[in-house]
Amino acid sequence: SVPDSVPDGTIIWISPTRTTTGTCKKAQKDSTLSIWDPIYFYSLLGTNRAIYPGDPNAWGISISLKYKGVEYPLSSIGGNSGSGVPTGFTLPACGPSDYDAGKCFINVSITYQIVIRKHGLSPFVKPTQDMFSLFQFDGDLGVNCCQRSFQYVLSGLTNIVGTSCTVDVSVTPEPGIVGFGQGQGTATG
């Protein structure tokens, strides 16, 4: 539940730390074999409205990627070459014979979090879409449309609801300590 009075930028949800492990490999036996290929996070929000419809900002939320202690709003990360967030992993160049032998790959382990913040609208609008493909790992040339790549899908967005109710509790006299006496434990709690 997100009170309408919550200021813009307030974190309303942060994911547990996620670690994705996998293998990155050269997709095709072509001229890209000879290049060193850095691996990036590329945002999928807004890259193709036919495949990834909707805009979280229209609901009053913004979604960010937190990587190595830095938060990157997905709206500022693109899907084209040069617009991703570098992971620090690079797929080295290889030759045609190594490609044929299945040796053109690296293993990666990438740890990150997803952050949802209140953004803009008041009152908050309940999301109309439950799932979003947020980002994809890919190489230097941008989002690969035709080969399999890891995508992070966030679900449960329709569970975020706004409320016009704000609760403010104060206890007097100060310092606001209340003694409830002894509690009695039961079999149910």
N, C-alpha and C. Protein backbone atom coordinates (compact mmCIF):
# COMPACT_ATOMS: atom_id res chain seq x y z
N SER A 1 0.84 -1.18 0.00
CA SER A 1 0.00 0.00 0.00
C SER A 1 0.88 1.23 0.00
N VAL A 2 0.59 2.16 -0.89
CA VAL A 2 1.40 3.38 -1.02
C VAL A 2 0.54 4.58 -0.69
N PRO A 3 0.75 5.24 0.45
CA PRO A 3 -0.03 6.45 0.76
C PRO A 3 0.23 7.55 -0.27
N ASP A 4 -0.83 8.27 -0.64
CA ASP A 4 -0.70 9.38 -1.60
C ASP A 4 0.28 10.43 -1.11
N SER A 5 0.43 10.55 0.21
CA SER A 5 1.27 11.59 0.77
C SER A 5 2.76 11.26 0.75
N VAL A 6 3.12 10.04 0.33
CA VAL A 6 4.53 9.66 0.29
C VAL A 6 5.25 10.54 -0.74
N PRO A 7 6.36 11.16 -0.39
CA PRO A 7 7.07 12.03 -1.33
C PRO A 7 7.65 11.26 -2.53
N ASP A 8 7.76 11.96 -3.64
CA ASP A 8 8.41 11.39 -4.82
C ASP A 8 9.79 10.88 -4.45
N GLY A 9 10.16 9.76 -5.02
CA GLY A 9 11.48 9.20 -4.80
C GLY A 9 11.54 8.22 -3.65
N THR A 10 10.45 8.10 -2.87
CA THR A 10 10.43 7.17 -1.75
C THR A 10 10.45 5.73 -2.26
N ILE A 11 11.33 4.91 -1.70
CA ILE A 11 11.36 3.49 -2.08
C ILE A 11 10.11 2.82 -1.53
N ILE A 12 9.34 2.18 -2.41
CA ILE A 12 8.17 1.44 -1.95
C ILE A 12 8.39 -0.06 -2.02
N TRP A 13 9.43 -0.50 -2.70
CA TRP A 13 9.79 -1.93 -2.72
C TRP A 13 11.22 -2.06 -3.23
N ILE A 14 11.96 -2.97 -2.61
CA ILE A 14 13.30 -3.32 -3.10
C ILE A 14 13.40 -4.83 -3.05
N SER A 15 13.90 -5.40 -4.11
CA SER A 15 13.99 -6.86 -4.20
C SER A 15 15.09 -7.38 -3.28
N PRO A 16 14.99 -8.64 -2.93
CA PRO A 16 16.16 -9.26 -2.31
C PRO A 16 17.32 -9.22 -3.31
N THR A 17 18.52 -9.36 -2.84
CA THR A 17 19.67 -9.41 -3.74
C THR A 17 19.53 -10.65 -4.63
N ARG A 18 19.65 -10.45 -5.92
CA ARG A 18 19.55 -11.54 -6.90
C ARG A 18 20.92 -11.77 -7.51
N THR A 19 21.25 -13.03 -7.76
CA THR A 19 22.47 -13.37 -8.48
C THR A 19 22.10 -14.25 -9.66
N THR A 20 22.47 -13.80 -10.84
CA THR A 20 22.24 -14.56 -12.05
C THR A 20 23.56 -15.14 -12.51
N THR A 21 23.60 -16.45 -12.66
CA THR A 21 24.80 -17.11 -13.19
C THR A 21 24.43 -17.74 -14.52
N GLY A 22 25.38 -17.77 -15.40
CA GLY A 22 25.12 -18.36 -16.71
C GLY A 22 26.34 -18.30 -17.59
N THR A 23 26.11 -18.60 -18.83
CA THR A 23 27.16 -18.62 -19.83
C THR A 23 26.84 -17.62 -20.92
N CYS A 24 27.79 -16.77 -21.25
CA CYS A 24 27.67 -15.85 -22.38
C CYS A 24 28.56 -16.39 -23.48
N LYS A 25 27.99 -16.48 -24.68
CA LYS A 25 28.77 -17.03 -25.79
C LYS A 25 28.51 -16.25 -27.07
N LYS A 26 29.42 -16.41 -28.00
CA LYS A 26 29.27 -15.79 -29.31
C LYS A 26 28.04 -16.39 -29.98
N ALA A 27 27.19 -15.53 -30.54
CA ALA A 27 25.92 -15.98 -31.09
C ALA A 27 26.05 -16.55 -32.50
N GLN A 28 27.00 -16.03 -33.26
CA GLN A 28 27.10 -16.45 -34.65
C GLN A 28 28.55 -16.55 -35.08
N LYS A 29 28.78 -17.37 -36.07
CA LYS A 29 30.11 -17.48 -36.66
C LYS A 29 30.19 -16.45 -37.79
N ASP A 30 30.56 -15.21 -37.40
CA ASP A 30 30.65 -14.13 -38.37
C ASP A 30 31.78 -13.19 -37.97
N SER A 31 31.74 -11.98 -38.47
CA SER A 31 32.82 -11.03 -38.20
C SER A 31 32.91 -10.62 -36.73
N THR A 32 31.86 -10.85 -35.93
CA THR A 32 31.90 -10.46 -34.52
C THR A 32 32.76 -11.41 -33.68
N LEU A 33 33.17 -12.53 -34.23
CA LEU A 33 34.05 -13.43 -33.49
C LEU A 33 35.35 -12.74 -33.10
N SER A 34 35.82 -11.85 -33.94
CA SER A 34 37.13 -11.23 -33.72
C SER A 34 37.10 -10.04 -32.76
N ILE A 35 35.93 -9.68 -32.22
CA ILE A 35 35.87 -8.53 -31.32
C ILE A 35 35.74 -8.99 -29.86
N TRP A 36 36.26 -8.16 -28.95
CA TRP A 36 36.03 -8.35 -27.52
C TRP A 36 34.66 -7.74 -27.25
N ASP A 37 33.80 -8.48 -26.57
CA ASP A 37 32.40 -8.10 -26.46
C ASP A 37 31.98 -7.93 -24.99
N PRO A 38 31.99 -6.67 -24.48
CA PRO A 38 31.55 -6.44 -23.10
C PRO A 38 30.08 -6.81 -22.93
N ILE A 39 29.72 -7.29 -21.74
CA ILE A 39 28.34 -7.67 -21.44
C ILE A 39 27.69 -6.54 -20.65
N TYR A 40 26.47 -6.16 -21.04
CA TYR A 40 25.75 -5.04 -20.44
C TYR A 40 24.36 -5.47 -19.95
N PHE A 41 23.82 -4.68 -19.01
CA PHE A 41 22.39 -4.68 -18.71
C PHE A 41 21.77 -3.73 -19.74
N TYR A 42 20.75 -4.16 -20.47
CA TYR A 42 20.01 -3.27 -21.37
C TYR A 42 18.56 -3.24 -20.92
N SER A 43 18.00 -2.04 -20.80
CA SER A 43 16.61 -1.89 -20.40
C SER A 43 15.69 -2.34 -21.52
N LEU A 44 14.61 -3.02 -21.14
CA LEU A 44 13.58 -3.41 -22.10
C LEU A 44 12.35 -2.53 -21.99
N LEU A 45 12.32 -1.63 -21.01
CA LEU A 45 11.18 -0.73 -20.87
C LEU A 45 11.23 0.31 -21.98
N GLY A 46 10.21 0.33 -22.79
CA GLY A 46 10.11 1.32 -23.84
C GLY A 46 10.86 1.01 -25.11
N THR A 47 11.56 -0.14 -25.19
CA THR A 47 12.33 -0.42 -26.39
C THR A 47 11.45 -0.87 -27.55
N ASN A 48 10.35 -1.53 -27.25
CA ASN A 48 9.44 -1.99 -28.29
C ASN A 48 8.06 -2.12 -27.67
N ARG A 49 7.21 -1.12 -27.86
CA ARG A 49 5.91 -1.09 -27.21
C ARG A 49 5.02 -2.26 -27.62
N ALA A 50 5.22 -2.84 -28.80
CA ALA A 50 4.41 -3.98 -29.21
C ALA A 50 4.72 -5.20 -28.35
N ILE A 51 5.98 -5.36 -27.95
CA ILE A 51 6.39 -6.50 -27.14
C ILE A 51 6.35 -6.16 -25.66
N TYR A 52 6.76 -4.95 -25.30
CA TYR A 52 6.85 -4.52 -23.91
C TYR A 52 5.95 -3.30 -23.71
N PRO A 53 4.63 -3.50 -23.66
CA PRO A 53 3.72 -2.35 -23.57
C PRO A 53 3.74 -1.71 -22.20
N GLY A 54 3.16 -0.52 -22.12
CA GLY A 54 2.99 0.13 -20.83
C GLY A 54 4.18 0.98 -20.45
N ASP A 55 3.96 1.79 -19.44
CA ASP A 55 4.99 2.68 -18.93
C ASP A 55 4.78 2.83 -17.44
N PRO A 56 5.68 2.27 -16.61
CA PRO A 56 5.50 2.36 -15.16
C PRO A 56 5.32 3.79 -14.65
N ASN A 57 5.93 4.78 -15.33
CA ASN A 57 5.78 6.17 -14.88
C ASN A 57 4.32 6.62 -14.93
N ALA A 58 3.51 6.03 -15.83
CA ALA A 58 2.10 6.38 -15.93
C ALA A 58 1.32 5.94 -14.70
N TRP A 59 1.88 5.06 -13.91
CA TRP A 59 1.21 4.58 -12.68
C TRP A 59 1.75 5.28 -11.44
N GLY A 60 2.77 6.08 -11.59
CA GLY A 60 3.33 6.76 -10.44
C GLY A 60 4.47 6.00 -9.79
N ILE A 61 5.12 5.12 -10.56
CA ILE A 61 6.29 4.41 -10.04
C ILE A 61 7.44 4.53 -11.04
N SER A 62 8.65 4.41 -10.53
CA SER A 62 9.81 4.29 -11.39
C SER A 62 10.54 3.03 -10.94
N ILE A 63 11.16 2.34 -11.89
CA ILE A 63 11.85 1.09 -11.60
C ILE A 63 13.33 1.27 -11.94
N SER A 64 14.18 0.87 -11.00
CA SER A 64 15.62 1.02 -11.17
C SER A 64 16.33 -0.30 -10.97
N LEU A 65 17.52 -0.36 -11.51
CA LEU A 65 18.45 -1.46 -11.31
C LEU A 65 19.52 -0.96 -10.35
N LYS A 66 19.78 -1.72 -9.29
CA LYS A 66 20.87 -1.36 -8.37
C LYS A 66 21.99 -2.37 -8.59
N TYR A 67 23.14 -1.88 -9.05
CA TYR A 67 24.27 -2.74 -9.39
C TYR A 67 25.55 -2.16 -8.82
N LYS A 68 26.26 -2.94 -8.06
CA LYS A 68 27.51 -2.52 -7.42
C LYS A 68 27.34 -1.21 -6.64
N GLY A 69 26.21 -1.11 -5.92
CA GLY A 69 25.96 0.04 -5.07
C GLY A 69 25.44 1.28 -5.77
N VAL A 70 25.27 1.23 -7.09
CA VAL A 70 24.78 2.39 -7.84
C VAL A 70 23.40 2.06 -8.39
N GLU A 71 22.47 3.01 -8.28
CA GLU A 71 21.12 2.81 -8.78
C GLU A 71 20.98 3.47 -10.15
N TYR A 72 20.48 2.70 -11.12
CA TYR A 72 20.30 3.16 -12.50
C TYR A 72 18.82 3.08 -12.85
N PRO A 73 18.13 4.22 -13.01
CA PRO A 73 16.73 4.16 -13.44
C PRO A 73 16.65 3.48 -14.81
N LEU A 74 15.75 2.51 -14.94
CA LEU A 74 15.65 1.80 -16.22
C LEU A 74 15.23 2.73 -17.35
N SER A 75 14.56 3.83 -17.01
CA SER A 75 14.18 4.79 -18.04
C SER A 75 15.38 5.50 -18.64
N SER A 76 16.54 5.46 -17.95
CA SER A 76 17.74 6.13 -18.47
C SER A 76 18.70 5.15 -19.14
N ILE A 77 18.36 3.86 -19.11
CA ILE A 77 19.19 2.84 -19.75
C ILE A 77 18.51 2.48 -21.06
N GLY A 78 19.26 2.40 -22.12
CA GLY A 78 18.67 2.07 -23.40
C GLY A 78 18.85 0.61 -23.78
N GLY A 79 18.48 0.31 -25.00
CA GLY A 79 18.62 -1.04 -25.53
C GLY A 79 19.58 -1.09 -26.70
N ASN A 80 20.17 0.06 -27.03
CA ASN A 80 21.08 0.14 -28.17
C ASN A 80 22.54 0.16 -27.71
N SER A 81 23.43 -0.09 -28.64
CA SER A 81 24.86 -0.07 -28.37
C SER A 81 25.26 1.22 -27.67
N GLY A 82 26.03 1.09 -26.57
CA GLY A 82 26.50 2.25 -25.85
C GLY A 82 25.54 2.79 -24.81
N SER A 83 24.34 2.21 -24.69
CA SER A 83 23.36 2.76 -23.75
C SER A 83 23.10 1.86 -22.55
N GLY A 84 23.82 0.75 -22.43
CA GLY A 84 23.61 -0.17 -21.33
C GLY A 84 24.50 0.12 -20.13
N VAL A 85 24.28 -0.65 -19.06
CA VAL A 85 25.11 -0.56 -17.86
C VAL A 85 26.12 -1.70 -17.92
N PRO A 86 27.42 -1.41 -17.93
CA PRO A 86 28.42 -2.48 -18.04
C PRO A 86 28.42 -3.38 -16.80
N THR A 87 28.50 -4.68 -17.04
CA THR A 87 28.56 -5.65 -15.94
C THR A 87 29.98 -5.88 -15.44
N GLY A 88 30.96 -5.53 -16.27
CA GLY A 88 32.35 -5.80 -15.92
C GLY A 88 32.86 -7.11 -16.53
N PHE A 89 31.97 -7.84 -17.18
CA PHE A 89 32.38 -9.08 -17.85
C PHE A 89 32.53 -8.81 -19.35
N THR A 90 33.53 -9.45 -19.96
CA THR A 90 33.77 -9.29 -21.39
C THR A 90 34.01 -10.65 -22.02
N LEU A 91 33.29 -10.91 -23.08
CA LEU A 91 33.46 -12.13 -23.87
C LEU A 91 34.63 -11.90 -24.83
N PRO A 92 35.72 -12.67 -24.67
CA PRO A 92 36.91 -12.40 -25.51
C PRO A 92 36.69 -12.80 -26.97
N ALA A 93 37.55 -12.25 -27.80
CA ALA A 93 37.55 -12.62 -29.21
C ALA A 93 37.95 -14.09 -29.34
N CYS A 94 37.52 -14.71 -30.42
CA CYS A 94 37.92 -16.10 -30.67
C CYS A 94 37.94 -16.34 -32.17
N GLY A 95 38.49 -17.46 -32.56
CA GLY A 95 38.60 -17.79 -33.97
C GLY A 95 37.53 -18.77 -34.40
N PRO A 96 37.38 -18.94 -35.73
CA PRO A 96 36.38 -19.86 -36.26
C PRO A 96 36.53 -21.30 -35.76
N SER A 97 37.77 -21.77 -35.61
CA SER A 97 37.95 -23.15 -35.15
C SER A 97 37.54 -23.30 -33.69
N ASP A 98 37.81 -22.26 -32.85
CA ASP A 98 37.35 -22.28 -31.46
C ASP A 98 35.82 -22.25 -31.40
N TYR A 99 35.20 -21.45 -32.28
CA TYR A 99 33.75 -21.39 -32.33
C TYR A 99 33.17 -22.76 -32.67
N ASP A 100 33.74 -23.40 -33.68
CA ASP A 100 33.27 -24.73 -34.09
C ASP A 100 33.44 -25.75 -32.96
N ALA A 101 34.46 -25.55 -32.13
CA ALA A 101 34.72 -26.47 -31.01
C ALA A 101 33.92 -26.10 -29.76
N GLY A 102 33.10 -25.05 -29.82
CA GLY A 102 32.28 -24.64 -28.68
C GLY A 102 33.06 -23.97 -27.57
N LYS A 103 34.16 -23.29 -27.92
CA LYS A 103 35.02 -22.68 -26.90
C LYS A 103 34.86 -21.17 -26.76
N CYS A 104 33.93 -20.58 -27.47
CA CYS A 104 33.78 -19.12 -27.46
C CYS A 104 32.72 -18.69 -26.44
N PHE A 105 33.07 -18.82 -25.14
CA PHE A 105 32.13 -18.46 -24.08
C PHE A 105 32.87 -18.06 -22.82
N ILE A 106 32.13 -17.42 -21.90
CA ILE A 106 32.61 -17.17 -20.54
C ILE A 106 31.45 -17.45 -19.59
N ASN A 107 31.78 -17.85 -18.38
CA ASN A 107 30.78 -18.03 -17.33
C ASN A 107 30.72 -16.74 -16.52
N VAL A 108 29.50 -16.32 -16.17
CA VAL A 108 29.32 -15.08 -15.42
C VAL A 108 28.47 -15.33 -14.18
N SER A 109 28.65 -14.48 -13.19
CA SER A 109 27.81 -14.45 -12.00
C SER A 109 27.61 -12.97 -11.67
N ILE A 110 26.37 -12.49 -11.82
CA ILE A 110 26.08 -11.06 -11.73
C ILE A 110 25.03 -10.85 -10.63
N THR A 111 25.35 -10.00 -9.65
CA THR A 111 24.49 -9.76 -8.49
C THR A 111 23.92 -8.35 -8.56
N TYR A 112 22.60 -8.21 -8.33
CA TYR A 112 21.91 -6.93 -8.48
C TYR A 112 20.62 -6.93 -7.67
N GLN A 113 19.95 -5.79 -7.63
CA GLN A 113 18.64 -5.65 -7.02
C GLN A 113 17.75 -4.79 -7.91
N ILE A 114 16.45 -4.91 -7.73
CA ILE A 114 15.47 -4.07 -8.40
C ILE A 114 14.84 -3.16 -7.35
N VAL A 115 14.69 -1.87 -7.69
CA VAL A 115 14.14 -0.89 -6.76
C VAL A 115 12.92 -0.23 -7.42
N ILE A 116 11.82 -0.17 -6.68
CA ILE A 116 10.63 0.56 -7.16
C ILE A 116 10.44 1.76 -6.24
N ARG A 117 10.31 2.94 -6.86
CA ARG A 117 10.10 4.18 -6.11
C ARG A 117 8.79 4.83 -6.55
N LYS A 118 8.20 5.60 -5.66
CA LYS A 118 7.04 6.41 -6.04
C LYS A 118 7.55 7.51 -6.96
N HIS A 119 6.79 7.78 -8.00
CA HIS A 119 7.26 8.75 -8.98
C HIS A 119 6.08 9.54 -9.57
N GLY A 120 6.00 10.80 -9.25
CA GLY A 120 5.11 11.71 -9.96
C GLY A 120 3.67 11.78 -9.53
N LEU A 121 2.89 10.79 -9.82
CA LEU A 121 1.45 10.91 -9.68
C LEU A 121 0.98 10.89 -8.23
N SER A 122 -0.03 11.71 -7.97
CA SER A 122 -0.72 11.66 -6.70
C SER A 122 -2.16 12.06 -6.99
N PRO A 123 -3.14 11.23 -6.76
CA PRO A 123 -3.00 9.95 -6.09
C PRO A 123 -2.34 8.90 -6.98
N PHE A 124 -1.75 7.93 -6.33
CA PHE A 124 -1.09 6.81 -6.99
C PHE A 124 -2.11 6.02 -7.81
N VAL A 125 -1.72 5.55 -8.98
CA VAL A 125 -2.60 4.77 -9.84
C VAL A 125 -2.15 3.31 -9.80
N LYS A 126 -3.08 2.40 -9.52
CA LYS A 126 -2.74 0.98 -9.46
C LYS A 126 -2.27 0.51 -10.85
N PRO A 127 -1.13 -0.18 -10.92
CA PRO A 127 -0.65 -0.69 -12.21
C PRO A 127 -1.69 -1.58 -12.89
N THR A 128 -1.80 -1.43 -14.19
CA THR A 128 -2.76 -2.23 -14.96
C THR A 128 -2.09 -3.45 -15.59
N GLN A 129 -0.80 -3.52 -15.49
CA GLN A 129 -0.05 -4.64 -16.04
C GLN A 129 0.71 -5.31 -14.91
N ASP A 130 0.59 -6.62 -14.78
CA ASP A 130 1.18 -7.33 -13.65
C ASP A 130 2.66 -7.67 -13.86
N MET A 131 3.08 -7.87 -15.10
CA MET A 131 4.44 -8.33 -15.37
C MET A 131 5.13 -7.41 -16.36
N PHE A 132 6.44 -7.25 -16.14
CA PHE A 132 7.28 -6.49 -17.06
C PHE A 132 8.59 -7.21 -17.27
N SER A 133 9.04 -7.29 -18.51
CA SER A 133 10.42 -7.68 -18.80
C SER A 133 11.24 -6.42 -18.60
N LEU A 134 12.11 -6.43 -17.58
CA LEU A 134 12.81 -5.21 -17.22
C LEU A 134 14.10 -4.99 -17.97
N PHE A 135 14.95 -6.04 -18.00
CA PHE A 135 16.24 -5.87 -18.66
C PHE A 135 16.70 -7.19 -19.25
N GLN A 136 17.71 -7.07 -20.09
CA GLN A 136 18.31 -8.24 -20.75
C GLN A 136 19.82 -8.07 -20.72
N PHE A 137 20.53 -9.18 -20.51
CA PHE A 137 21.98 -9.15 -20.64
C PHE A 137 22.31 -9.36 -22.11
N ASP A 138 23.19 -8.53 -22.63
CA ASP A 138 23.61 -8.69 -24.03
C ASP A 138 24.95 -8.02 -24.25
N GLY A 139 25.48 -8.17 -25.45
CA GLY A 139 26.81 -7.67 -25.78
C GLY A 139 26.82 -6.23 -26.24
N ASP A 140 27.96 -5.83 -26.76
CA ASP A 140 28.25 -4.45 -27.12
C ASP A 140 27.31 -3.87 -28.18
N LEU A 141 26.70 -4.72 -29.00
CA LEU A 141 25.87 -4.23 -30.10
C LEU A 141 24.44 -3.90 -29.68
N GLY A 142 24.09 -4.11 -28.42
CA GLY A 142 22.74 -3.78 -27.95
C GLY A 142 21.88 -5.03 -27.80
N VAL A 143 20.57 -4.81 -27.60
CA VAL A 143 19.64 -5.91 -27.39
C VAL A 143 19.60 -6.79 -28.63
N ASN A 144 19.84 -8.06 -28.42
CA ASN A 144 19.82 -9.05 -29.48
C ASN A 144 18.38 -9.51 -29.66
N CYS A 145 17.83 -9.27 -30.83
CA CYS A 145 16.43 -9.60 -31.06
C CYS A 145 16.19 -11.06 -31.38
N CYS A 146 17.22 -11.76 -31.82
CA CYS A 146 16.95 -13.05 -32.45
C CYS A 146 17.57 -14.25 -31.74
N GLN A 147 18.50 -14.04 -30.84
CA GLN A 147 19.13 -15.13 -30.10
C GLN A 147 18.63 -15.12 -28.67
N ARG A 148 18.68 -16.27 -28.02
CA ARG A 148 18.24 -16.34 -26.62
C ARG A 148 19.19 -15.57 -25.73
N SER A 149 18.61 -14.76 -24.84
CA SER A 149 19.36 -14.00 -23.85
C SER A 149 18.56 -14.01 -22.55
N PHE A 150 19.26 -13.88 -21.42
CA PHE A 150 18.58 -13.80 -20.13
C PHE A 150 17.79 -12.51 -20.04
N GLN A 151 16.51 -12.61 -19.65
CA GLN A 151 15.68 -11.45 -19.36
C GLN A 151 15.16 -11.56 -17.93
N TYR A 152 15.14 -10.44 -17.22
CA TYR A 152 14.59 -10.39 -15.88
C TYR A 152 13.16 -9.91 -15.98
N VAL A 153 12.22 -10.75 -15.51
CA VAL A 153 10.81 -10.42 -15.55
C VAL A 153 10.33 -10.16 -14.12
N LEU A 154 9.74 -8.99 -13.89
CA LEU A 154 9.19 -8.63 -12.59
C LEU A 154 7.69 -8.84 -12.64
N SER A 155 7.16 -9.59 -11.67
CA SER A 155 5.71 -9.82 -11.63
C SER A 155 5.15 -9.34 -10.30
N GLY A 156 3.83 -9.24 -10.22
CA GLY A 156 3.16 -8.83 -8.99
C GLY A 156 2.94 -7.34 -8.88
N LEU A 157 3.13 -6.60 -9.98
CA LEU A 157 2.99 -5.15 -9.92
C LEU A 157 1.57 -4.71 -9.56
N THR A 158 0.55 -5.51 -9.92
CA THR A 158 -0.82 -5.12 -9.60
C THR A 158 -1.11 -5.24 -8.10
N ASN A 159 -0.18 -5.80 -7.34
CA ASN A 159 -0.34 -5.84 -5.88
C ASN A 159 -0.02 -4.50 -5.23
N ILE A 160 0.58 -3.59 -5.99
CA ILE A 160 0.88 -2.25 -5.45
C ILE A 160 -0.39 -1.42 -5.56
N VAL A 161 -0.87 -0.94 -4.44
CA VAL A 161 -2.10 -0.15 -4.44
C VAL A 161 -1.87 1.16 -3.71
N GLY A 162 -2.57 2.20 -4.15
CA GLY A 162 -2.49 3.49 -3.50
C GLY A 162 -3.57 3.63 -2.45
N THR A 163 -3.34 4.49 -1.51
CA THR A 163 -4.34 4.77 -0.48
C THR A 163 -4.28 6.24 -0.12
N SER A 164 -5.43 6.85 0.09
CA SER A 164 -5.45 8.26 0.49
C SER A 164 -5.31 8.39 2.00
N CYS A 165 -5.25 7.26 2.68
CA CYS A 165 -5.17 7.25 4.13
C CYS A 165 -3.71 7.31 4.58
N THR A 166 -3.42 8.22 5.49
CA THR A 166 -2.11 8.30 6.09
C THR A 166 -2.28 8.19 7.60
N VAL A 167 -1.52 7.33 8.21
CA VAL A 167 -1.62 7.13 9.65
C VAL A 167 -0.43 7.81 10.30
N ASP A 168 -0.73 8.64 11.29
CA ASP A 168 0.31 9.31 12.05
C ASP A 168 -0.02 9.06 13.52
N VAL A 169 0.81 8.32 14.19
CA VAL A 169 0.57 7.95 15.58
C VAL A 169 1.55 8.71 16.46
N SER A 170 1.03 9.30 17.51
CA SER A 170 1.90 9.91 18.50
C SER A 170 1.43 9.47 19.89
N VAL A 171 2.38 9.30 20.77
CA VAL A 171 2.08 8.87 22.12
C VAL A 171 2.62 9.92 23.07
N THR A 172 1.74 10.37 23.97
CA THR A 172 2.17 11.35 24.95
C THR A 172 1.96 10.77 26.34
N PRO A 173 2.64 11.13 27.32
CA PRO A 173 3.72 12.12 27.28
C PRO A 173 4.96 11.55 26.62
N GLU A 174 5.86 12.45 26.21
CA GLU A 174 7.13 12.03 25.61
C GLU A 174 7.91 11.25 26.64
N PRO A 175 8.72 10.29 26.32
CA PRO A 175 9.26 9.96 25.01
C PRO A 175 8.40 8.97 24.22
N GLY A 176 7.16 8.77 24.60
CA GLY A 176 6.29 7.92 23.80
C GLY A 176 6.44 6.45 24.09
N ILE A 177 6.78 6.08 25.32
CA ILE A 177 6.91 4.67 25.68
C ILE A 177 5.61 4.21 26.31
N VAL A 178 5.10 3.08 25.82
CA VAL A 178 3.85 2.54 26.33
C VAL A 178 4.14 1.21 26.99
N GLY A 179 3.66 1.01 28.22
CA GLY A 179 3.82 -0.26 28.90
C GLY A 179 2.55 -1.08 28.74
N PHE A 180 2.62 -2.22 28.04
CA PHE A 180 1.45 -3.06 27.83
C PHE A 180 1.33 -4.15 28.89
N GLY A 181 2.22 -4.18 29.86
CA GLY A 181 2.15 -5.22 30.88
C GLY A 181 2.69 -6.53 30.35
N GLN A 182 2.37 -7.62 31.05
CA GLN A 182 2.86 -8.94 30.64
C GLN A 182 1.96 -9.50 29.55
N GLY A 183 2.59 -10.20 28.61
CA GLY A 183 1.84 -10.88 27.56
C GLY A 183 1.73 -12.35 27.89
N GLN A 184 0.63 -12.96 27.51
CA GLN A 184 0.42 -14.37 27.76
C GLN A 184 0.53 -15.14 26.45
N GLY A 185 1.45 -16.09 26.39
CA GLY A 185 1.59 -16.92 25.19
C GLY A 185 0.50 -17.98 25.15
N THR A 186 0.03 -18.29 23.95
CA THR A 186 -0.97 -19.34 23.76
C THR A 186 -0.46 -20.31 22.71
N ALA A 187 -1.19 -21.39 22.49
CA ALA A 187 -0.78 -22.37 21.48
C ALA A 187 -0.82 -21.78 20.07
N THR A 188 -1.62 -20.74 19.85
CA THR A 188 -1.72 -20.16 18.52
C THR A 188 -0.88 -18.92 18.34
N GLY A 189 -0.12 -18.52 19.33
CA GLY A 189 0.74 -17.37 19.15
C GLY A 189 0.80 -16.47 20.34
